[in-house]
Amino acid sequence: LFRRILDEKRRYVYPLVAAVVLNAALFAAI
């Protein structure tokens, strides 16, 4: 189920994951 949601909603999930990683990097760095 998780894999299927990831494949179908890829255009929403990747930017969301990128935003979380960027947010964590900004928190750690700044």
PDB file of all heavy atoms in Angstrom:
ATOM      1  N   LEU A   1       0.834  -1.204   0.000  1.00  0.00           N
ATOM      2  CA  LEU A   1       0.000   0.000   0.000  1.00  0.00           C
ATOM      3  C   LEU A   1       0.870   1.257   0.000  1.00  0.00           C
ATOM      4  O   LEU A   1       0.590   2.207  -0.730  1.00  0.00           O
ATOM      5  CB  LEU A   1      -0.934  -0.040   1.214  1.00  0.00           C
ATOM      6  CG  LEU A   1      -1.885   1.138   1.353  1.00  0.00           C
ATOM      7  CD1 LEU A   1      -2.855   1.171   0.172  1.00  0.00           C
ATOM      8  CD2 LEU A   1      -2.620   1.080   2.650  1.00  0.00           C
ATOM      9  N   PHE A   2       1.884   1.263   0.780  1.00  0.00           N
ATOM     10  CA  PHE A   2       2.769   2.429   0.882  1.00  0.00           C
ATOM     11  C   PHE A   2       3.455   2.685  -0.458  1.00  0.00           C
ATOM     12  O   PHE A   2       3.557   3.825  -0.896  1.00  0.00           O
ATOM     13  CB  PHE A   2       3.787   2.195   2.000  1.00  0.00           C
ATOM     14  CG  PHE A   2       4.749   3.332   2.170  1.00  0.00           C
ATOM     15  CD1 PHE A   2       4.335   4.545   2.688  1.00  0.00           C
ATOM     16  CD2 PHE A   2       6.072   3.197   1.773  1.00  0.00           C
ATOM     17  CE1 PHE A   2       5.229   5.589   2.825  1.00  0.00           C
ATOM     18  CE2 PHE A   2       6.959   4.233   1.915  1.00  0.00           C
ATOM     19  CZ  PHE A   2       6.532   5.440   2.451  1.00  0.00           C
ATOM     20  N   ARG A   3       3.910   1.636  -1.090  1.00  0.00           N
ATOM     21  CA  ARG A   3       4.588   1.755  -2.372  1.00  0.00           C
ATOM     22  C   ARG A   3       3.619   2.272  -3.425  1.00  0.00           C
ATOM     23  O   ARG A   3       3.994   3.093  -4.274  1.00  0.00           O
ATOM     24  CB  ARG A   3       5.104   0.384  -2.751  1.00  0.00           C
ATOM     25  CG  ARG A   3       6.006   0.408  -3.888  1.00  0.00           C
ATOM     26  CD  ARG A   3       7.327   0.757  -3.309  1.00  0.00           C
ATOM     27  NE  ARG A   3       8.390   0.256  -4.145  1.00  0.00           N
ATOM     28  CZ  ARG A   3       9.464   0.927  -4.360  1.00  0.00           C
ATOM     29  NH1 ARG A   3       9.602   2.098  -3.830  1.00  0.00           N
ATOM     30  NH2 ARG A   3      10.428   0.435  -5.057  1.00  0.00           N
ATOM     31  N   ARG A   4       2.424   1.813  -3.372  1.00  0.00           N
ATOM     32  CA  ARG A   4       1.422   2.220  -4.352  1.00  0.00           C
ATOM     33  C   ARG A   4       1.079   3.693  -4.184  1.00  0.00           C
ATOM     34  O   ARG A   4       0.980   4.443  -5.172  1.00  0.00           O
ATOM     35  CB  ARG A   4       0.174   1.361  -4.159  1.00  0.00           C
ATOM     36  CG  ARG A   4      -0.831   1.625  -5.212  1.00  0.00           C
ATOM     37  CD  ARG A   4      -1.950   0.619  -5.109  1.00  0.00           C
ATOM     38  NE  ARG A   4      -3.127   1.278  -5.595  1.00  0.00           N
ATOM     39  CZ  ARG A   4      -4.278   1.325  -5.033  1.00  0.00           C
ATOM     40  NH1 ARG A   4      -4.480   0.700  -3.902  1.00  0.00           N
ATOM     41  NH2 ARG A   4      -5.286   1.941  -5.555  1.00  0.00           N
ATOM     42  N   ILE A   5       0.945   4.165  -2.957  1.00  0.00           N
ATOM     43  CA  ILE A   5       0.642   5.578  -2.705  1.00  0.00           C
ATOM     44  C   ILE A   5       1.815   6.418  -3.158  1.00  0.00           C
ATOM     45  O   ILE A   5       1.632   7.474  -3.766  1.00  0.00           O
ATOM     46  CB  ILE A   5       0.334   5.803  -1.211  1.00  0.00           C
ATOM     47  CG1 ILE A   5      -0.967   5.110  -0.819  1.00  0.00           C
ATOM     48  CG2 ILE A   5       0.258   7.278  -0.889  1.00  0.00           C
ATOM     49  CD1 ILE A   5      -1.262   5.129   0.657  1.00  0.00           C
ATOM     50  N   LEU A   6       2.998   5.946  -2.907  1.00  0.00           N
ATOM     51  CA  LEU A   6       4.211   6.674  -3.294  1.00  0.00           C
ATOM     52  C   LEU A   6       4.291   6.810  -4.812  1.00  0.00           C
ATOM     53  O   LEU A   6       4.649   7.875  -5.320  1.00  0.00           O
ATOM     54  CB  LEU A   6       5.426   5.930  -2.750  1.00  0.00           C
ATOM     55  CG  LEU A   6       6.741   6.694  -2.720  1.00  0.00           C
ATOM     56  CD1 LEU A   6       6.620   7.922  -1.820  1.00  0.00           C
ATOM     57  CD2 LEU A   6       7.848   5.808  -2.228  1.00  0.00           C
ATOM     58  N   ASP A   7       3.965   5.748  -5.531  1.00  0.00           N
ATOM     59  CA  ASP A   7       3.996   5.809  -6.999  1.00  0.00           C
ATOM     60  C   ASP A   7       2.899   6.713  -7.550  1.00  0.00           C
ATOM     61  O   ASP A   7       3.146   7.490  -8.484  1.00  0.00           O
ATOM     62  CB  ASP A   7       3.826   4.398  -7.601  1.00  0.00           C
ATOM     63  CG  ASP A   7       5.103   3.593  -7.482  1.00  0.00           C
ATOM     64  OD1 ASP A   7       6.166   4.226  -7.291  1.00  0.00           O
ATOM     65  OD2 ASP A   7       5.029   2.346  -7.524  1.00  0.00           O
ATOM     66  N   GLU A   8       1.719   6.652  -6.997  1.00  0.00           N
ATOM     67  CA  GLU A   8       0.605   7.422  -7.537  1.00  0.00           C
ATOM     68  C   GLU A   8       0.685   8.898  -7.159  1.00  0.00           C
ATOM     69  O   GLU A   8       0.288   9.750  -7.947  1.00  0.00           O
ATOM     70  CB  GLU A   8      -0.714   6.841  -7.034  1.00  0.00           C
ATOM     71  CG  GLU A   8      -1.094   5.534  -7.651  1.00  0.00           C
ATOM     72  CD  GLU A   8      -2.381   4.993  -7.081  1.00  0.00           C
ATOM     73  OE1 GLU A   8      -3.074   5.734  -6.324  1.00  0.00           O
ATOM     74  OE2 GLU A   8      -2.689   3.842  -7.359  1.00  0.00           O
ATOM     75  N   LYS A   9       1.164   9.190  -6.013  1.00  0.00           N
ATOM     76  CA  LYS A   9       1.204  10.586  -5.552  1.00  0.00           C
ATOM     77  C   LYS A   9       2.633  11.118  -5.552  1.00  0.00           C
ATOM     78  O   LYS A   9       2.980  11.976  -4.761  1.00  0.00           O
ATOM     79  CB  LYS A   9       0.634  10.675  -4.132  1.00  0.00           C
ATOM     80  CG  LYS A   9      -0.749  10.122  -3.973  1.00  0.00           C
ATOM     81  CD  LYS A   9      -1.726  10.996  -4.680  1.00  0.00           C
ATOM     82  CE  LYS A   9      -3.128  10.430  -4.423  1.00  0.00           C
ATOM     83  NZ  LYS A   9      -4.140  11.117  -5.139  1.00  0.00           N
ATOM     84  N   ARG A  10       3.468  10.652  -6.399  1.00  0.00           N
ATOM     85  CA  ARG A  10       4.871  11.007  -6.454  1.00  0.00           C
ATOM     86  C   ARG A  10       5.073  12.515  -6.592  1.00  0.00           C
ATOM     87  O   ARG A  10       5.968  13.086  -5.983  1.00  0.00           O
ATOM     88  CB  ARG A  10       5.505  10.286  -7.633  1.00  0.00           C
ATOM     89  CG  ARG A  10       6.981  10.431  -7.692  1.00  0.00           C
ATOM     90  CD  ARG A  10       7.581   9.767  -8.877  1.00  0.00           C
ATOM     91  NE  ARG A  10       6.912   8.511  -9.156  1.00  0.00           N
ATOM     92  CZ  ARG A  10       7.196   7.690 -10.118  1.00  0.00           C
ATOM     93  NH1 ARG A  10       8.155   8.010 -10.931  1.00  0.00           N
ATOM     94  NH2 ARG A  10       6.552   6.590 -10.324  1.00  0.00           N
ATOM     95  N   ARG A  11       4.293  13.157  -7.410  1.00  0.00           N
ATOM     96  CA  ARG A  11       4.487  14.582  -7.622  1.00  0.00           C
ATOM     97  C   ARG A  11       4.163  15.395  -6.366  1.00  0.00           C
ATOM     98  O   ARG A  11       4.596  16.526  -6.240  1.00  0.00           O
ATOM     99  CB  ARG A  11       3.710  15.071  -8.821  1.00  0.00           C
ATOM    100  CG  ARG A  11       2.291  14.942  -8.739  1.00  0.00           C
ATOM    101  CD  ARG A  11       1.670  15.383 -10.040  1.00  0.00           C
ATOM    102  NE  ARG A  11       0.371  14.778 -10.009  1.00  0.00           N
ATOM    103  CZ  ARG A  11      -0.685  15.250 -10.553  1.00  0.00           C
ATOM    104  NH1 ARG A  11      -0.599  16.334 -11.265  1.00  0.00           N
ATOM    105  NH2 ARG A  11      -1.811  14.658 -10.434  1.00  0.00           N
ATOM    106  N   TYR A  12       3.402  14.834  -5.428  1.00  0.00           N
ATOM    107  CA  TYR A  12       3.143  15.522  -4.155  1.00  0.00           C
ATOM    108  C   TYR A  12       4.121  15.083  -3.064  1.00  0.00           C
ATOM    109  O   TYR A  12       4.522  15.882  -2.235  1.00  0.00           O
ATOM    110  CB  TYR A  12       1.716  15.233  -3.654  1.00  0.00           C
ATOM    111  CG  TYR A  12       0.646  15.709  -4.591  1.00  0.00           C
ATOM    112  CD1 TYR A  12      -0.239  14.801  -5.162  1.00  0.00           C
ATOM    113  CD2 TYR A  12       0.505  17.055  -4.882  1.00  0.00           C
ATOM    114  CE1 TYR A  12      -1.216  15.222  -6.027  1.00  0.00           C
ATOM    115  CE2 TYR A  12      -0.482  17.466  -5.761  1.00  0.00           C
ATOM    116  CZ  TYR A  12      -1.335  16.559  -6.320  1.00  0.00           C
ATOM    117  OH  TYR A  12      -2.309  16.971  -7.173  1.00  0.00           O
ATOM    118  N   VAL A  13       4.498  13.847  -3.066  1.00  0.00           N
ATOM    119  CA  VAL A  13       5.321  13.294  -1.993  1.00  0.00           C
ATOM    120  C   VAL A  13       6.756  13.782  -2.095  1.00  0.00           C
ATOM    121  O   VAL A  13       7.364  14.180  -1.090  1.00  0.00           O
ATOM    122  CB  VAL A  13       5.244  11.745  -2.010  1.00  0.00           C
ATOM    123  CG1 VAL A  13       6.263  11.141  -1.040  1.00  0.00           C
ATOM    124  CG2 VAL A  13       3.856  11.282  -1.696  1.00  0.00           C
ATOM    125  N   TYR A  14       7.353  13.768  -3.300  1.00  0.00           N
ATOM    126  CA  TYR A  14       8.754  14.181  -3.424  1.00  0.00           C
ATOM    127  C   TYR A  14       8.966  15.644  -3.012  1.00  0.00           C
ATOM    128  O   TYR A  14       9.912  15.947  -2.273  1.00  0.00           O
ATOM    129  CB  TYR A  14       9.269  13.915  -4.832  1.00  0.00           C
ATOM    130  CG  TYR A  14       9.527  12.449  -5.108  1.00  0.00           C
ATOM    131  CD1 TYR A  14       9.217  11.891  -6.356  1.00  0.00           C
ATOM    132  CD2 TYR A  14      10.067  11.622  -4.138  1.00  0.00           C
ATOM    133  CE1 TYR A  14       9.447  10.551  -6.615  1.00  0.00           C
ATOM    134  CE2 TYR A  14      10.284  10.270  -4.398  1.00  0.00           C
ATOM    135  CZ  TYR A  14       9.980   9.745  -5.618  1.00  0.00           C
ATOM    136  OH  TYR A  14      10.199   8.425  -5.875  1.00  0.00           O
ATOM    137  N   PRO A  15       8.161  16.554  -3.466  1.00  0.00           N
ATOM    138  CA  PRO A  15       8.361  17.924  -2.981  1.00  0.00           C
ATOM    139  C   PRO A  15       8.147  18.046  -1.465  1.00  0.00           C
ATOM    140  O   PRO A  15       8.842  18.813  -0.788  1.00  0.00           O
ATOM    141  CB  PRO A  15       7.310  18.748  -3.724  1.00  0.00           C
ATOM    142  CG  PRO A  15       6.935  17.953  -4.901  1.00  0.00           C
ATOM    143  CD  PRO A  15       7.162  16.516  -4.534  1.00  0.00           C
ATOM    144  N   LEU A  16       7.205  17.247  -0.942  1.00  0.00           N
ATOM    145  CA  LEU A  16       6.963  17.290   0.499  1.00  0.00           C
ATOM    146  C   LEU A  16       8.169  16.735   1.262  1.00  0.00           C
ATOM    147  O   LEU A  16       8.608  17.334   2.259  1.00  0.00           O
ATOM    148  CB  LEU A  16       5.699  16.499   0.848  1.00  0.00           C
ATOM    149  CG  LEU A  16       5.216  16.588   2.284  1.00  0.00           C
ATOM    150  CD1 LEU A  16       4.906  18.023   2.662  1.00  0.00           C
ATOM    151  CD2 LEU A  16       3.992  15.703   2.489  1.00  0.00           C
ATOM    152  N   VAL A  17       8.740  15.641   0.807  1.00  0.00           N
ATOM    153  CA  VAL A  17       9.932  15.068   1.438  1.00  0.00           C
ATOM    154  C   VAL A  17      11.102  16.027   1.290  1.00  0.00           C
ATOM    155  O   VAL A  17      11.883  16.249   2.238  1.00  0.00           O
ATOM    156  CB  VAL A  17      10.251  13.668   0.827  1.00  0.00           C
ATOM    157  CG1 VAL A  17      11.629  13.189   1.259  1.00  0.00           C
ATOM    158  CG2 VAL A  17       9.187  12.680   1.196  1.00  0.00           C
ATOM    159  N   ALA A  18      11.259  16.653   0.128  1.00  0.00           N
ATOM    160  CA  ALA A  18      12.335  17.620  -0.097  1.00  0.00           C
ATOM    161  C   ALA A  18      12.167  18.812   0.849  1.00  0.00           C
ATOM    162  O   ALA A  18      13.148  19.326   1.410  1.00  0.00           O
ATOM    163  CB  ALA A  18      12.346  18.064  -1.550  1.00  0.00           C
ATOM    164  N   ALA A  19      10.936  19.257   1.041  1.00  0.00           N
ATOM    165  CA  ALA A  19      10.689  20.380   1.947  1.00  0.00           C
ATOM    166  C   ALA A  19      11.037  20.006   3.389  1.00  0.00           C
ATOM    167  O   ALA A  19      11.621  20.807   4.135  1.00  0.00           O
ATOM    168  CB  ALA A  19       9.234  20.823   1.847  1.00  0.00           C
ATOM    169  N   VAL A  20      10.718  18.786   3.819  1.00  0.00           N
ATOM    170  CA  VAL A  20      11.035  18.336   5.177  1.00  0.00           C
ATOM    171  C   VAL A  20      12.545  18.242   5.354  1.00  0.00           C
ATOM    172  O   VAL A  20      13.110  18.675   6.367  1.00  0.00           O
ATOM    173  CB  VAL A  20      10.327  16.985   5.479  1.00  0.00           C
ATOM    174  CG1 VAL A  20      10.872  16.360   6.740  1.00  0.00           C
ATOM    175  CG2 VAL A  20       8.832  17.175   5.568  1.00  0.00           C
ATOM    176  N   VAL A  21      13.248  17.681   4.366  1.00  0.00           N
ATOM    177  CA  VAL A  21      14.712  17.570   4.442  1.00  0.00           C
ATOM    178  C   VAL A  21      15.343  18.955   4.448  1.00  0.00           C
ATOM    179  O   VAL A  21      16.261  19.240   5.232  1.00  0.00           O
ATOM    180  CB  VAL A  21      15.252  16.694   3.281  1.00  0.00           C
ATOM    181  CG1 VAL A  21      16.767  16.773   3.187  1.00  0.00           C
ATOM    182  CG2 VAL A  21      14.786  15.267   3.447  1.00  0.00           C
ATOM    183  N   LEU A  22      14.862  19.844   3.570  1.00  0.00           N
ATOM    184  CA  LEU A  22      15.383  21.215   3.526  1.00  0.00           C
ATOM    185  C   LEU A  22      15.107  21.935   4.853  1.00  0.00           C
ATOM    186  O   LEU A  22      15.971  22.650   5.376  1.00  0.00           O
ATOM    187  CB  LEU A  22      14.736  21.975   2.362  1.00  0.00           C
ATOM    188  CG  LEU A  22      15.213  23.416   2.158  1.00  0.00           C
ATOM    189  CD1 LEU A  22      16.702  23.431   1.806  1.00  0.00           C
ATOM    190  CD2 LEU A  22      14.398  24.108   1.107  1.00  0.00           C
ATOM    191  N   ASN A  23      13.932  21.729   5.419  1.00  0.00           N
ATOM    192  CA  ASN A  23      13.577  22.334   6.693  1.00  0.00           C
ATOM    193  C   ASN A  23      14.511  21.827   7.791  1.00  0.00           C
ATOM    194  O   ASN A  23      14.990  22.608   8.625  1.00  0.00           O
ATOM    195  CB  ASN A  23      12.114  22.008   7.012  1.00  0.00           C
ATOM    196  CG  ASN A  23      11.564  22.895   8.103  1.00  0.00           C
ATOM    197  OD1 ASN A  23      12.198  23.857   8.515  1.00  0.00           O
ATOM    198  ND2 ASN A  23      10.374  22.569   8.587  1.00  0.00           N
ATOM    199  N   ALA A  24      14.787  20.512   7.818  1.00  0.00           N
ATOM    200  CA  ALA A  24      15.694  19.945   8.816  1.00  0.00           C
ATOM    201  C   ALA A  24      17.108  20.479   8.631  1.00  0.00           C
ATOM    202  O   ALA A  24      17.803  20.796   9.601  1.00  0.00           O
ATOM    203  CB  ALA A  24      15.676  18.409   8.724  1.00  0.00           C
ATOM    204  N   ALA A  25      17.540  20.600   7.368  1.00  0.00           N
ATOM    205  CA  ALA A  25      18.888  21.132   7.093  1.00  0.00           C
ATOM    206  C   ALA A  25      18.981  22.593   7.537  1.00  0.00           C
ATOM    207  O   ALA A  25      19.984  23.019   8.144  1.00  0.00           O
ATOM    208  CB  ALA A  25      19.222  20.982   5.616  1.00  0.00           C
ATOM    209  N   LEU A  26      17.970  23.374   7.250  1.00  0.00           N
ATOM    210  CA  LEU A  26      17.977  24.784   7.672  1.00  0.00           C
ATOM    211  C   LEU A  26      17.946  24.893   9.201  1.00  0.00           C
ATOM    212  O   LEU A  26      18.617  25.756   9.782  1.00  0.00           O
ATOM    213  CB  LEU A  26      16.775  25.525   7.072  1.00  0.00           C
ATOM    214  CG  LEU A  26      16.871  25.868   5.590  1.00  0.00           C
ATOM    215  CD1 LEU A  26      15.549  26.485   5.115  1.00  0.00           C
ATOM    216  CD2 LEU A  26      18.008  26.814   5.310  1.00  0.00           C
ATOM    217  N   PHE A  27      17.182  24.039   9.853  1.00  0.00           N
ATOM    218  CA  PHE A  27      17.148  24.047  11.318  1.00  0.00           C
ATOM    219  C   PHE A  27      18.529  23.724  11.877  1.00  0.00           C
ATOM    220  O   PHE A  27      19.017  24.410  12.782  1.00  0.00           O
ATOM    221  CB  PHE A  27      16.110  23.046  11.840  1.00  0.00           C
ATOM    222  CG  PHE A  27      16.059  22.987  13.330  1.00  0.00           C
ATOM    223  CD1 PHE A  27      15.413  23.972  14.060  1.00  0.00           C
ATOM    224  CD2 PHE A  27      16.686  21.954  14.026  1.00  0.00           C
ATOM    225  CE1 PHE A  27      15.379  23.940  15.440  1.00  0.00           C
ATOM    226  CE2 PHE A  27      16.666  21.916  15.407  1.00  0.00           C
ATOM    227  CZ  PHE A  27      16.004  22.902  16.121  1.00  0.00           C
ATOM    228  N   ALA A  28      19.172  22.660  11.337  1.00  0.00           N
ATOM    229  CA  ALA A  28      20.480  22.241  11.834  1.00  0.00           C
ATOM    230  C   ALA A  28      21.555  23.267  11.509  1.00  0.00           C
ATOM    231  O   ALA A  28      22.472  23.498  12.302  1.00  0.00           O
ATOM    232  CB  ALA A  28      20.850  20.872  11.259  1.00  0.00           C
ATOM    233  N   ALA A  29      21.467  23.911  10.335  1.00  0.00           N
ATOM    234  CA  ALA A  29      22.535  24.821   9.912  1.00  0.00           C
ATOM    235  C   ALA A  29      22.334  26.253  10.416  1.00  0.00           C
ATOM    236  O   ALA A  29      23.309  26.950  10.689  1.00  0.00           O
ATOM    237  CB  ALA A  29      22.626  24.819   8.385  1.00  0.00           C
ATOM    238  N   ILE A  30      21.108  26.703  10.568  1.00  0.00           N
ATOM    239  CA  ILE A  30      20.900  28.120  10.873  1.00  0.00           C
ATOM    240  C   ILE A  30      20.159  28.328  12.198  1.00  0.00           C
ATOM    241  O   ILE A  30      20.626  29.064  13.077  1.00  0.00           O
ATOM    242  CB  ILE A  30      20.129  28.802   9.722  1.00  0.00           C
ATOM    243  CG1 ILE A  30      20.966  28.757   8.446  1.00  0.00           C
ATOM    244  CG2 ILE A  30      19.779  30.234  10.079  1.00  0.00           C
ATOM    245  CD1 ILE A  30      20.236  29.244   7.219  1.00  0.00           C
TER     246      ILE A  30
END
